[in-house]
Amino acid sequence: DLKSGKISVDSPIGKGLLGKKVGEIATISVPSGKIELEILSIFRE
C-alpha cells in the first residue's frame, strides 16, 4: 500500500527492494516499464 507508505516483501516492488540499504536507489521492473525508488527508511512491523 504505497499510499500509506507500506510495501509487502511479497509484492514485486518489495522483492525488488530486498537487500537494499537506506540511501540506495533500487531499479524495479513494473508492468509499465522500470521505476527507480530511493530507500528513505526501513522498518518491520
PDB file of N, CA and C in Angstrom:
ATOM      1  N   ASP A   1       0.854  -1.184   0.000  1.00  0.00           N
ATOM      2  CA  ASP A   1       0.000   0.000   0.000  1.00  0.00           C
ATOM      3  C   ASP A   1       0.893   1.239   0.000  1.00  0.00           C
ATOM      4  N   LEU A   2       1.280   1.673  -1.160  1.00  0.00           N
ATOM      5  CA  LEU A   2       2.209   2.799  -1.272  1.00  0.00           C
ATOM      6  C   LEU A   2       1.645   4.088  -0.693  1.00  0.00           C
ATOM      7  N   LYS A   3       0.329   4.269  -0.749  1.00  0.00           N
ATOM      8  CA  LYS A   3      -0.267   5.499  -0.218  1.00  0.00           C
ATOM      9  C   LYS A   3      -0.029   5.639   1.277  1.00  0.00           C
ATOM     10  N   SER A   4       0.002   4.525   1.999  1.00  0.00           N
ATOM     11  CA  SER A   4       0.255   4.580   3.444  1.00  0.00           C
ATOM     12  C   SER A   4       1.734   4.383   3.762  1.00  0.00           C
ATOM     13  N   GLY A   5       2.565   4.219   2.715  1.00  0.00           N
ATOM     14  CA  GLY A   5       4.000   4.070   2.927  1.00  0.00           C
ATOM     15  C   GLY A   5       4.435   2.671   3.300  1.00  0.00           C
ATOM     16  N   LYS A   6       3.577   1.679   3.057  1.00  0.00           N
ATOM     17  CA  LYS A   6       3.901   0.298   3.409  1.00  0.00           C
ATOM     18  C   LYS A   6       4.020  -0.541   2.149  1.00  0.00           C
ATOM     19  N   ILE A   7       5.055  -1.383   2.119  1.00  0.00           N
ATOM     20  CA  ILE A   7       5.288  -2.255   0.973  1.00  0.00           C
ATOM     21  C   ILE A   7       5.505  -3.665   1.493  1.00  0.00           C
ATOM     22  N   SER A   8       4.724  -4.610   0.999  1.00  0.00           N
ATOM     23  CA  SER A   8       4.878  -6.007   1.392  1.00  0.00           C
ATOM     24  C   SER A   8       6.129  -6.584   0.745  1.00  0.00           C
ATOM     25  N   VAL A   9       6.875  -7.406   1.484  1.00  0.00           N
ATOM     26  CA  VAL A   9       8.056  -8.059   0.918  1.00  0.00           C
ATOM     27  C   VAL A   9       7.663  -9.083  -0.137  1.00  0.00           C
ATOM     28  N   ASP A  10       6.392  -9.465  -0.180  1.00  0.00           N
ATOM     29  CA  ASP A  10       5.911 -10.432  -1.163  1.00  0.00           C
ATOM     30  C   ASP A  10       5.474  -9.780  -2.472  1.00  0.00           C
ATOM     31  N   SER A  11       5.392  -8.457  -2.499  1.00  0.00           N
ATOM     32  CA  SER A  11       4.977  -7.751  -3.712  1.00  0.00           C
ATOM     33  C   SER A  11       6.167  -7.613  -4.665  1.00  0.00           C
ATOM     34  N   PRO A  12       5.910  -7.377  -5.957  1.00  0.00           N
ATOM     35  CA  PRO A  12       7.019  -7.174  -6.897  1.00  0.00           C
ATOM     36  C   PRO A  12       7.951  -6.036  -6.475  1.00  0.00           C
ATOM     37  N   ILE A  13       7.382  -4.941  -5.982  1.00  0.00           N
ATOM     38  CA  ILE A  13       8.220  -3.821  -5.528  1.00  0.00           C
ATOM     39  C   ILE A  13       9.012  -4.238  -4.298  1.00  0.00           C
ATOM     40  N   GLY A  14       8.363  -4.901  -3.351  1.00  0.00           N
ATOM     41  CA  GLY A  14       9.045  -5.369  -2.145  1.00  0.00           C
ATOM     42  C   GLY A  14      10.202  -6.295  -2.474  1.00  0.00           C
ATOM     43  N   LYS A  15       9.988  -7.197  -3.410  1.00  0.00           N
ATOM     44  CA  LYS A  15      11.054  -8.123  -3.813  1.00  0.00           C
ATOM     45  C   LYS A  15      12.220  -7.370  -4.441  1.00  0.00           C
ATOM     46  N   GLY A  16      11.915  -6.308  -5.192  1.00  0.00           N
ATOM     47  CA  GLY A  16      12.973  -5.504  -5.805  1.00  0.00           C
ATOM     48  C   GLY A  16      13.764  -4.694  -4.799  1.00  0.00           C
ATOM     49  N   LEU A  17      13.187  -4.470  -3.622  1.00  0.00           N
ATOM     50  CA  LEU A  17      13.858  -3.690  -2.582  1.00  0.00           C
ATOM     51  C   LEU A  17      14.668  -4.556  -1.622  1.00  0.00           C
ATOM     52  N   LEU A  18      14.430  -5.859  -1.640  1.00  0.00           N
ATOM     53  CA  LEU A  18      15.130  -6.745  -0.706  1.00  0.00           C
ATOM     54  C   LEU A  18      16.641  -6.618  -0.857  1.00  0.00           C
ATOM     55  N   GLY A  19      17.323  -6.522   0.254  1.00  0.00           N
ATOM     56  CA  GLY A  19      18.778  -6.429   0.256  1.00  0.00           C
ATOM     57  C   GLY A  19      19.314  -5.015   0.108  1.00  0.00           C
ATOM     58  N   LYS A  20      18.446  -4.057  -0.135  1.00  0.00           N
ATOM     59  CA  LYS A  20      18.883  -2.668  -0.281  1.00  0.00           C
ATOM     60  C   LYS A  20      19.002  -2.007   1.085  1.00  0.00           C
ATOM     61  N   LYS A  21      19.794  -0.941   1.144  1.00  0.00           N
ATOM     62  CA  LYS A  21      20.015  -0.202   2.385  1.00  0.00           C
ATOM     63  C   LYS A  21      19.496   1.223   2.235  1.00  0.00           C
ATOM     64  N   VAL A  22      19.262   1.876   3.364  1.00  0.00           N
ATOM     65  CA  VAL A  22      18.812   3.269   3.356  1.00  0.00           C
ATOM     66  C   VAL A  22      19.806   4.103   2.549  1.00  0.00           C
ATOM     67  N   GLY A  23      19.273   4.940   1.674  1.00  0.00           N
ATOM     68  CA  GLY A  23      20.096   5.798   0.832  1.00  0.00           C
ATOM     69  C   GLY A  23      20.361   5.225  -0.550  1.00  0.00           C
ATOM     70  N   GLU A  24      20.135   3.933  -0.737  1.00  0.00           N
ATOM     71  CA  GLU A  24      20.360   3.311  -2.038  1.00  0.00           C
ATOM     72  C   GLU A  24      19.172   3.559  -2.965  1.00  0.00           C
ATOM     73  N   ILE A  25      19.432   3.456  -4.256  1.00  0.00           N
ATOM     74  CA  ILE A  25      18.398   3.567  -5.282  1.00  0.00           C
ATOM     75  C   ILE A  25      18.161   2.169  -5.838  1.00  0.00           C
ATOM     76  N   ALA A  26      16.898   1.766  -5.893  1.00  0.00           N
ATOM     77  CA  ALA A  26      16.532   0.465  -6.450  1.00  0.00           C
ATOM     78  C   ALA A  26      15.829   0.693  -7.781  1.00  0.00           C
ATOM     79  N   THR A  27      16.250  -0.029  -8.813  1.00  0.00           N
ATOM     80  CA  THR A  27      15.568  -0.006 -10.105  1.00  0.00           C
ATOM     81  C   THR A  27      14.708  -1.255 -10.177  1.00  0.00           C
ATOM     82  N   ILE A  28      13.406  -1.062 -10.348  1.00  0.00           N
ATOM     83  CA  ILE A  28      12.456  -2.164 -10.259  1.00  0.00           C
ATOM     84  C   ILE A  28      11.627  -2.226 -11.535  1.00  0.00           C
ATOM     85  N   SER A  29      11.481  -3.441 -12.070  1.00  0.00           N
ATOM     86  CA  SER A  29      10.635  -3.649 -13.247  1.00  0.00           C
ATOM     87  C   SER A  29       9.180  -3.747 -12.819  1.00  0.00           C
ATOM     88  N   VAL A  30       8.339  -2.964 -13.461  1.00  0.00           N
ATOM     89  CA  VAL A  30       6.894  -2.977 -13.224  1.00  0.00           C
ATOM     90  C   VAL A  30       6.216  -3.124 -14.593  1.00  0.00           C
ATOM     91  N   PRO A  31       4.915  -3.434 -14.617  1.00  0.00           N
ATOM     92  CA  PRO A  31       4.249  -3.640 -15.908  1.00  0.00           C
ATOM     93  C   PRO A  31       4.416  -2.489 -16.905  1.00  0.00           C
ATOM     94  N   SER A  32       4.520  -1.265 -16.423  1.00  0.00           N
ATOM     95  CA  SER A  32       4.645  -0.117 -17.332  1.00  0.00           C
ATOM     96  C   SER A  32       6.089   0.225 -17.688  1.00  0.00           C
ATOM     97  N   GLY A  33       7.052  -0.556 -17.212  1.00  0.00           N
ATOM     98  CA  GLY A  33       8.462  -0.305 -17.502  1.00  0.00           C
ATOM     99  C   GLY A  33       9.310  -0.468 -16.263  1.00  0.00           C
ATOM    100  N   LYS A  34      10.239   0.458 -16.056  1.00  0.00           N
ATOM    101  CA  LYS A  34      11.107   0.413 -14.877  1.00  0.00           C
ATOM    102  C   LYS A  34      10.939   1.697 -14.083  1.00  0.00           C
ATOM    103  N   ILE A  35      11.026   1.556 -12.764  1.00  0.00           N
ATOM    104  CA  ILE A  35      10.972   2.724 -11.890  1.00  0.00           C
ATOM    105  C   ILE A  35      12.184   2.700 -10.973  1.00  0.00           C
ATOM    106  N   GLU A  36      12.588   3.862 -10.522  1.00  0.00           N
ATOM    107  CA  GLU A  36      13.672   3.972  -9.552  1.00  0.00           C
ATOM    108  C   GLU A  36      13.094   4.502  -8.252  1.00  0.00           C
ATOM    109  N   LEU A  37      13.438   3.831  -7.160  1.00  0.00           N
ATOM    110  CA  LEU A  37      12.979   4.244  -5.838  1.00  0.00           C
ATOM    111  C   LEU A  37      14.176   4.424  -4.927  1.00  0.00           C
ATOM    112  N   GLU A  38      14.200   5.522  -4.180  1.00  0.00           N
ATOM    113  CA  GLU A  38      15.245   5.740  -3.181  1.00  0.00           C
ATOM    114  C   GLU A  38      14.740   5.211  -1.843  1.00  0.00           C
ATOM    115  N   ILE A  39      15.585   4.461  -1.149  1.00  0.00           N
ATOM    116  CA  ILE A  39      15.225   3.904   0.150  1.00  0.00           C
ATOM    117  C   ILE A  39      15.417   4.997   1.196  1.00  0.00           C
ATOM    118  N   LEU A  40      14.322   5.448   1.797  1.00  0.00           N
ATOM    119  CA  LEU A  40      14.371   6.507   2.808  1.00  0.00           C
ATOM    120  C   LEU A  40      14.428   5.945   4.213  1.00  0.00           C
ATOM    121  N   SER A  41      13.743   4.846   4.459  1.00  0.00           N
ATOM    122  CA  SER A  41      13.768   4.204   5.773  1.00  0.00           C
ATOM    123  C   SER A  41      13.330   2.760   5.615  1.00  0.00           C
ATOM    124  N   ILE A  42      13.719   1.951   6.586  1.00  0.00           N
ATOM    125  CA  ILE A  42      13.357   0.536   6.598  1.00  0.00           C
ATOM    126  C   ILE A  42      12.928   0.183   8.007  1.00  0.00           C
ATOM    127  N   PHE A  43      11.764  -0.445   8.118  1.00  0.00           N
ATOM    128  CA  PHE A  43      11.331  -0.971   9.419  1.00  0.00           C
ATOM    129  C   PHE A  43      10.377  -2.119   9.181  1.00  0.00           C
ATOM    130  N   ARG A  44      10.261  -2.964  10.175  1.00  0.00           N
ATOM    131  CA  ARG A  44       9.409  -4.138  10.071  1.00  0.00           C
ATOM    132  C   ARG A  44       8.344  -4.071  11.149  1.00  0.00           C
ATOM    133  N   GLU A  45       7.119  -4.376  10.763  1.00  0.00           N
ATOM    134  CA  GLU A  45       6.018  -4.385  11.733  1.00  0.00           C
ATOM    135  C   GLU A  45       5.584  -5.796  12.015  1.00  0.00           C
TER     136      GLU A  45
END
